[in-house]
Amino acid sequence: MSPLSDRPGIRVRGEVGEVTRPSWERALTELSRRHQDVSYLELSEVVFVDVAGVTALAVTAMELADGRFVIEAPPPQLSRVLELFWPDLDRIEVTSR
C-alpha cells in the first residue's frame, strides 16, 4: 500500500485476505482519519479481496462523517460483495477508471 501522489487516497497491490487484512484495516483507518469529502482507493493491481476485507471497507465508509470513498478498478468480487450485502451504501462509489 502506498499513498496516491495526485489525489487523497491509497494504491493497493496484491491480495486482501487473512494474512494481509490487518494492514488493509490499518490503511483504511488512517485514510478515514485524513478523509475530507472524497478519498480514493486505487485497486487495479489487487487480484482478490475476501469478504472480511470488503466488510472492513464498508464499515469504514459507513463511519465517515461525510463524503465518500471512490474505489478505482477493483477486482470483480469486491463489487459483487458490496452489491450483495450493502446495495444502498452511497458512501462507496466504484469506478473502472
N, C-alpha and C. Protein backbone atom coordinates (compact mmCIF):
# COMPACT_ATOMS: atom_id res chain seq x y z
N MET A 1 0.84 -1.17 0.00
CA MET A 1 0.00 0.00 0.00
C MET A 1 0.89 1.23 0.00
N SER A 2 0.46 2.22 -0.79
CA SER A 2 1.22 3.47 -0.84
C SER A 2 0.25 4.62 -1.10
N PRO A 3 0.64 5.83 -0.68
CA PRO A 3 -0.24 6.98 -0.92
C PRO A 3 -0.28 7.34 -2.40
N LEU A 4 -1.41 7.87 -2.83
CA LEU A 4 -1.53 8.38 -4.19
C LEU A 4 -0.86 9.76 -4.24
N SER A 5 -0.18 10.05 -5.32
CA SER A 5 0.53 11.33 -5.40
C SER A 5 -0.34 12.46 -5.95
N ASP A 6 -1.41 12.13 -6.67
CA ASP A 6 -2.19 13.17 -7.35
C ASP A 6 -3.56 13.46 -6.73
N ARG A 7 -3.93 12.72 -5.67
CA ARG A 7 -5.22 12.93 -5.01
C ARG A 7 -5.19 12.21 -3.66
N PRO A 8 -6.10 12.55 -2.76
CA PRO A 8 -6.08 11.91 -1.45
C PRO A 8 -6.51 10.44 -1.55
N GLY A 9 -5.65 9.57 -1.10
CA GLY A 9 -6.01 8.16 -1.14
C GLY A 9 -4.80 7.26 -1.13
N ILE A 10 -5.06 5.97 -1.39
CA ILE A 10 -4.01 4.96 -1.38
C ILE A 10 -4.11 4.05 -2.59
N ARG A 11 -2.96 3.49 -2.96
CA ARG A 11 -2.88 2.46 -4.01
C ARG A 11 -2.55 1.16 -3.29
N VAL A 12 -3.27 0.12 -3.65
CA VAL A 12 -3.09 -1.17 -3.01
C VAL A 12 -2.73 -2.18 -4.09
N ARG A 13 -1.83 -3.10 -3.74
CA ARG A 13 -1.41 -4.15 -4.67
C ARG A 13 -1.52 -5.51 -3.99
N GLY A 14 -1.72 -6.56 -4.77
CA GLY A 14 -1.71 -7.92 -4.24
C GLY A 14 -3.08 -8.42 -3.85
N GLU A 15 -3.18 -9.00 -2.67
CA GLU A 15 -4.43 -9.58 -2.18
C GLU A 15 -4.77 -9.02 -0.81
N VAL A 16 -6.07 -8.96 -0.53
CA VAL A 16 -6.54 -8.64 0.82
C VAL A 16 -7.22 -9.90 1.33
N GLY A 17 -6.55 -10.55 2.25
CA GLY A 17 -7.05 -11.79 2.81
C GLY A 17 -6.66 -11.89 4.27
N GLU A 18 -6.72 -13.08 4.80
CA GLU A 18 -6.47 -13.29 6.22
C GLU A 18 -5.10 -12.74 6.66
N VAL A 19 -4.07 -12.96 5.88
CA VAL A 19 -2.72 -12.54 6.26
C VAL A 19 -2.54 -11.03 6.12
N THR A 20 -3.10 -10.44 5.07
CA THR A 20 -2.87 -9.02 4.80
C THR A 20 -3.97 -8.11 5.35
N ARG A 21 -5.06 -8.68 5.86
CA ARG A 21 -6.18 -7.87 6.32
C ARG A 21 -5.81 -6.86 7.41
N PRO A 22 -4.97 -7.21 8.38
CA PRO A 22 -4.61 -6.19 9.38
C PRO A 22 -3.99 -4.93 8.77
N SER A 23 -3.13 -5.10 7.77
CA SER A 23 -2.55 -3.94 7.08
C SER A 23 -3.63 -3.15 6.35
N TRP A 24 -4.54 -3.84 5.69
CA TRP A 24 -5.66 -3.24 4.98
C TRP A 24 -6.51 -2.41 5.95
N GLU A 25 -6.84 -3.00 7.09
CA GLU A 25 -7.67 -2.30 8.07
C GLU A 25 -6.95 -1.08 8.64
N ARG A 26 -5.65 -1.19 8.89
CA ARG A 26 -4.88 -0.03 9.37
C ARG A 26 -4.87 1.07 8.30
N ALA A 27 -4.69 0.69 7.05
CA ALA A 27 -4.67 1.68 5.96
C ALA A 27 -6.03 2.37 5.83
N LEU A 28 -7.11 1.61 5.95
CA LEU A 28 -8.45 2.20 5.88
C LEU A 28 -8.69 3.15 7.05
N THR A 29 -8.26 2.75 8.24
CA THR A 29 -8.41 3.62 9.42
C THR A 29 -7.65 4.91 9.23
N GLU A 30 -6.42 4.82 8.78
CA GLU A 30 -5.61 6.03 8.56
C GLU A 30 -6.22 6.90 7.47
N LEU A 31 -6.69 6.29 6.41
CA LEU A 31 -7.33 7.05 5.34
C LEU A 31 -8.57 7.77 5.85
N SER A 32 -9.36 7.10 6.68
CA SER A 32 -10.57 7.73 7.21
C SER A 32 -10.23 8.89 8.15
N ARG A 33 -9.11 8.80 8.84
CA ARG A 33 -8.69 9.90 9.72
C ARG A 33 -8.31 11.15 8.93
N ARG A 34 -7.73 10.94 7.74
CA ARG A 34 -7.32 12.07 6.90
C ARG A 34 -8.40 12.47 5.90
N HIS A 35 -9.50 11.76 5.90
CA HIS A 35 -10.56 11.94 4.90
C HIS A 35 -11.16 13.34 4.91
N GLN A 36 -11.32 13.88 3.71
CA GLN A 36 -12.02 15.15 3.51
C GLN A 36 -12.84 15.03 2.24
N ASP A 37 -14.10 14.87 2.37
CA ASP A 37 -15.05 14.77 1.26
C ASP A 37 -14.88 13.51 0.41
N VAL A 38 -13.77 13.37 -0.34
CA VAL A 38 -13.57 12.21 -1.20
C VAL A 38 -12.17 11.64 -0.97
N SER A 39 -12.10 10.33 -0.76
CA SER A 39 -10.82 9.62 -0.67
C SER A 39 -10.84 8.51 -1.70
N TYR A 40 -9.70 8.26 -2.31
CA TYR A 40 -9.60 7.29 -3.40
C TYR A 40 -8.83 6.05 -2.97
N LEU A 41 -9.31 4.91 -3.42
CA LEU A 41 -8.59 3.64 -3.25
C LEU A 41 -8.38 3.07 -4.64
N GLU A 42 -7.15 3.10 -5.11
CA GLU A 42 -6.80 2.61 -6.44
C GLU A 42 -6.43 1.14 -6.30
N LEU A 43 -7.25 0.26 -6.86
CA LEU A 43 -7.10 -1.18 -6.64
C LEU A 43 -6.82 -1.97 -7.92
N SER A 44 -6.34 -1.32 -8.96
CA SER A 44 -6.15 -2.01 -10.24
C SER A 44 -5.15 -3.16 -10.16
N GLU A 45 -4.27 -3.16 -9.17
CA GLU A 45 -3.29 -4.23 -9.03
C GLU A 45 -3.66 -5.19 -7.89
N VAL A 46 -4.90 -5.13 -7.44
CA VAL A 46 -5.40 -6.06 -6.43
C VAL A 46 -6.09 -7.21 -7.16
N VAL A 47 -5.70 -8.44 -6.85
CA VAL A 47 -6.27 -9.59 -7.53
C VAL A 47 -7.40 -10.24 -6.75
N PHE A 48 -7.48 -9.97 -5.44
CA PHE A 48 -8.51 -10.61 -4.62
C PHE A 48 -8.72 -9.82 -3.33
N VAL A 49 -10.00 -9.68 -2.94
CA VAL A 49 -10.37 -9.12 -1.64
C VAL A 49 -11.39 -10.06 -1.03
N ASP A 50 -11.09 -10.60 0.15
CA ASP A 50 -12.05 -11.53 0.77
C ASP A 50 -13.22 -10.76 1.37
N VAL A 51 -14.25 -11.49 1.79
CA VAL A 51 -15.47 -10.86 2.31
C VAL A 51 -15.17 -10.01 3.53
N ALA A 52 -14.28 -10.47 4.39
CA ALA A 52 -13.93 -9.68 5.57
C ALA A 52 -13.24 -8.37 5.18
N GLY A 53 -12.46 -8.39 4.12
CA GLY A 53 -11.82 -7.17 3.63
C GLY A 53 -12.84 -6.18 3.08
N VAL A 54 -13.83 -6.69 2.36
CA VAL A 54 -14.90 -5.82 1.84
C VAL A 54 -15.73 -5.29 3.02
N THR A 55 -15.96 -6.12 4.02
CA THR A 55 -16.70 -5.69 5.21
C THR A 55 -15.96 -4.55 5.91
N ALA A 56 -14.64 -4.68 6.04
CA ALA A 56 -13.86 -3.61 6.67
C ALA A 56 -13.99 -2.30 5.89
N LEU A 57 -13.99 -2.40 4.57
CA LEU A 57 -14.17 -1.22 3.72
C LEU A 57 -15.55 -0.61 3.94
N ALA A 58 -16.59 -1.43 3.91
CA ALA A 58 -17.96 -0.94 4.07
C ALA A 58 -18.15 -0.29 5.44
N VAL A 59 -17.67 -0.94 6.49
CA VAL A 59 -17.83 -0.40 7.84
C VAL A 59 -17.08 0.93 7.97
N THR A 60 -15.88 1.00 7.44
CA THR A 60 -15.12 2.25 7.48
C THR A 60 -15.86 3.35 6.74
N ALA A 61 -16.41 3.04 5.57
CA ALA A 61 -17.17 4.04 4.81
C ALA A 61 -18.40 4.51 5.57
N MET A 62 -19.10 3.58 6.22
CA MET A 62 -20.30 3.96 6.98
C MET A 62 -19.96 4.85 8.16
N GLU A 63 -18.74 4.76 8.66
CA GLU A 63 -18.34 5.56 9.82
C GLU A 63 -17.80 6.94 9.43
N LEU A 64 -17.66 7.23 8.13
CA LEU A 64 -17.20 8.55 7.71
C LEU A 64 -18.22 9.60 8.13
N ALA A 65 -17.74 10.74 8.58
CA ALA A 65 -18.64 11.82 8.97
C ALA A 65 -19.38 12.37 7.75
N ASP A 66 -18.70 12.44 6.63
CA ASP A 66 -19.32 12.91 5.39
C ASP A 66 -18.48 12.43 4.22
N GLY A 67 -18.96 12.68 3.02
CA GLY A 67 -18.21 12.32 1.82
C GLY A 67 -18.29 10.85 1.49
N ARG A 68 -17.30 10.40 0.69
CA ARG A 68 -17.34 9.03 0.21
C ARG A 68 -15.94 8.53 -0.15
N PHE A 69 -15.86 7.22 -0.31
CA PHE A 69 -14.68 6.57 -0.87
C PHE A 69 -14.97 6.30 -2.34
N VAL A 70 -14.02 6.57 -3.20
CA VAL A 70 -14.11 6.19 -4.61
C VAL A 70 -13.14 5.03 -4.80
N ILE A 71 -13.68 3.89 -5.19
CA ILE A 71 -12.89 2.68 -5.38
C ILE A 71 -12.63 2.55 -6.88
N GLU A 72 -11.36 2.61 -7.26
CA GLU A 72 -11.00 2.59 -8.67
C GLU A 72 -10.46 1.22 -9.08
N ALA A 73 -11.05 0.66 -10.12
CA ALA A 73 -10.61 -0.58 -10.75
C ALA A 73 -10.43 -1.74 -9.77
N PRO A 74 -11.47 -2.05 -8.99
CA PRO A 74 -11.35 -3.15 -8.03
C PRO A 74 -11.49 -4.50 -8.72
N PRO A 75 -11.06 -5.57 -8.04
CA PRO A 75 -11.34 -6.90 -8.58
C PRO A 75 -12.85 -7.15 -8.55
N PRO A 76 -13.36 -7.97 -9.46
CA PRO A 76 -14.82 -8.15 -9.59
C PRO A 76 -15.54 -8.56 -8.32
N GLN A 77 -14.92 -9.39 -7.49
CA GLN A 77 -15.64 -9.87 -6.31
C GLN A 77 -15.93 -8.75 -5.33
N LEU A 78 -15.12 -7.70 -5.30
CA LEU A 78 -15.39 -6.59 -4.38
C LEU A 78 -16.74 -5.95 -4.71
N SER A 79 -16.96 -5.65 -5.96
CA SER A 79 -18.23 -5.05 -6.37
C SER A 79 -19.41 -5.98 -6.10
N ARG A 80 -19.23 -7.27 -6.37
CA ARG A 80 -20.31 -8.23 -6.14
C ARG A 80 -20.68 -8.32 -4.66
N VAL A 81 -19.68 -8.35 -3.79
CA VAL A 81 -19.96 -8.43 -2.35
C VAL A 81 -20.64 -7.15 -1.87
N LEU A 82 -20.18 -5.99 -2.34
CA LEU A 82 -20.84 -4.73 -1.97
C LEU A 82 -22.30 -4.74 -2.42
N GLU A 83 -22.56 -5.16 -3.65
CA GLU A 83 -23.93 -5.18 -4.16
C GLU A 83 -24.81 -6.17 -3.40
N LEU A 84 -24.23 -7.26 -2.97
CA LEU A 84 -24.99 -8.29 -2.26
C LEU A 84 -25.34 -7.86 -0.84
N PHE A 85 -24.37 -7.33 -0.10
CA PHE A 85 -24.58 -7.04 1.31
C PHE A 85 -24.88 -5.57 1.62
N TRP A 86 -24.42 -4.65 0.78
CA TRP A 86 -24.63 -3.23 1.02
C TRP A 86 -25.09 -2.53 -0.27
N PRO A 87 -26.23 -2.93 -0.83
CA PRO A 87 -26.64 -2.38 -2.12
C PRO A 87 -26.95 -0.88 -2.09
N ASP A 88 -27.28 -0.35 -0.94
CA ASP A 88 -27.65 1.07 -0.85
C ASP A 88 -26.58 1.92 -0.18
N LEU A 89 -25.38 1.41 -0.06
CA LEU A 89 -24.30 2.15 0.60
C LEU A 89 -23.78 3.21 -0.35
N ASP A 90 -24.22 4.45 -0.14
CA ASP A 90 -23.83 5.53 -1.05
C ASP A 90 -22.51 6.19 -0.67
N ARG A 91 -21.86 5.71 0.36
CA ARG A 91 -20.56 6.24 0.77
C ARG A 91 -19.41 5.61 -0.02
N ILE A 92 -19.74 4.62 -0.88
CA ILE A 92 -18.74 3.97 -1.72
C ILE A 92 -19.19 4.07 -3.17
N GLU A 93 -18.30 4.62 -3.99
CA GLU A 93 -18.55 4.70 -5.44
C GLU A 93 -17.47 3.85 -6.11
N VAL A 94 -17.90 2.91 -6.95
CA VAL A 94 -16.96 2.04 -7.66
C VAL A 94 -16.86 2.51 -9.09
N THR A 95 -15.61 2.73 -9.55
CA THR A 95 -15.39 3.17 -10.92
C THR A 95 -14.38 2.24 -11.59
N SER A 96 -14.40 2.20 -12.90
CA SER A 96 -13.43 1.38 -13.63
C SER A 96 -12.14 2.11 -13.92
N ARG A 97 -12.14 3.42 -13.83
CA ARG A 97 -11.03 4.35 -14.06
C ARG A 97 -10.31 4.07 -15.33
